[in-house]
Amino acid sequence: FLKLLQWSLVDVGTMGIKTKAFLRLFPLGPYQAHRFYLLKKNDYNEVFELMHKLRREVG
């Protein structure tokens, strides 16, 4: 549940205020994994497949 909340934070707000508040409520664990994807514009099928793959890997 916490990982889902971390993924859903896409609007960081003005000067990171929302991010700071979020991290106080749900601090990050000692280990983190990051991924970045470069996708074609409006390629929703690819986004859908990548999110399912990520969800299976993260748990």
Protein backbone atom coordinates (compact mmCIF):
# COMPACT_ATOMS: atom_id res chain seq x y z
CA PHE A 1 0.00 0.00 0.00
CA LEU A 2 2.80 2.43 0.86
CA LYS A 3 4.60 1.74 -2.40
CA LEU A 4 1.42 2.50 -4.30
CA LEU A 5 1.18 5.84 -2.52
CA GLN A 6 4.79 6.63 -3.35
CA TRP A 7 4.16 5.91 -7.02
CA SER A 8 1.02 8.01 -7.09
CA LEU A 9 2.83 11.20 -6.04
CA VAL A 10 3.40 12.84 -9.42
CA ASP A 11 2.64 16.46 -8.54
CA VAL A 12 5.49 17.70 -6.34
CA GLY A 13 3.89 21.09 -5.72
CA THR A 14 5.50 24.47 -5.37
CA MET A 15 9.11 24.21 -4.16
CA GLY A 16 8.60 20.55 -3.13
CA ILE A 17 6.19 21.29 -0.27
CA LYS A 18 3.86 18.40 -1.12
CA THR A 19 6.81 16.03 -1.39
CA LYS A 20 8.19 17.02 2.02
CA ALA A 21 4.79 16.52 3.65
CA PHE A 22 4.34 13.15 1.96
CA LEU A 23 7.76 11.89 3.06
CA ARG A 24 6.99 12.82 6.65
CA LEU A 25 3.82 10.73 6.55
CA PHE A 26 5.40 7.80 4.68
CA PRO A 27 9.20 7.84 5.05
CA LEU A 28 11.20 6.01 2.41
CA GLY A 29 12.73 2.68 3.32
CA PRO A 30 16.48 2.03 3.47
CA TYR A 31 16.50 0.56 -0.06
CA GLN A 32 15.04 2.13 -3.16
CA ALA A 33 14.81 1.23 -6.83
CA HIS A 34 14.23 3.75 -9.58
CA ARG A 35 13.27 3.35 -13.21
CA PHE A 36 12.89 5.80 -16.03
CA TYR A 37 11.11 5.16 -19.31
CA LEU A 38 11.13 7.10 -22.56
CA LEU A 39 7.87 6.45 -24.39
CA LYS A 40 6.32 7.63 -27.60
CA LYS A 41 3.58 10.20 -27.23
CA ASN A 42 0.10 8.68 -26.75
CA ASP A 43 1.44 5.11 -26.56
CA TYR A 44 -1.03 4.02 -23.90
CA ASN A 45 -0.67 0.30 -24.59
CA GLU A 46 3.05 0.46 -23.82
CA VAL A 47 2.38 2.40 -20.60
CA PHE A 48 -0.23 -0.16 -19.58
CA GLU A 49 2.17 -3.07 -20.19
CA LEU A 50 5.05 -1.39 -18.35
CA MET A 51 2.90 -0.61 -15.32
CA HIS A 52 1.70 -4.23 -15.14
CA LYS A 53 5.29 -5.47 -15.38
CA LEU A 54 6.42 -3.07 -12.67
CA ARG A 55 3.50 -4.02 -10.42
CA ARG A 56 4.39 -7.73 -10.70
CA GLU A 57 8.05 -7.04 -9.87
CA VAL A 58 7.41 -4.70 -6.93
CA GLY A 59 4.62 -6.75 -5.42
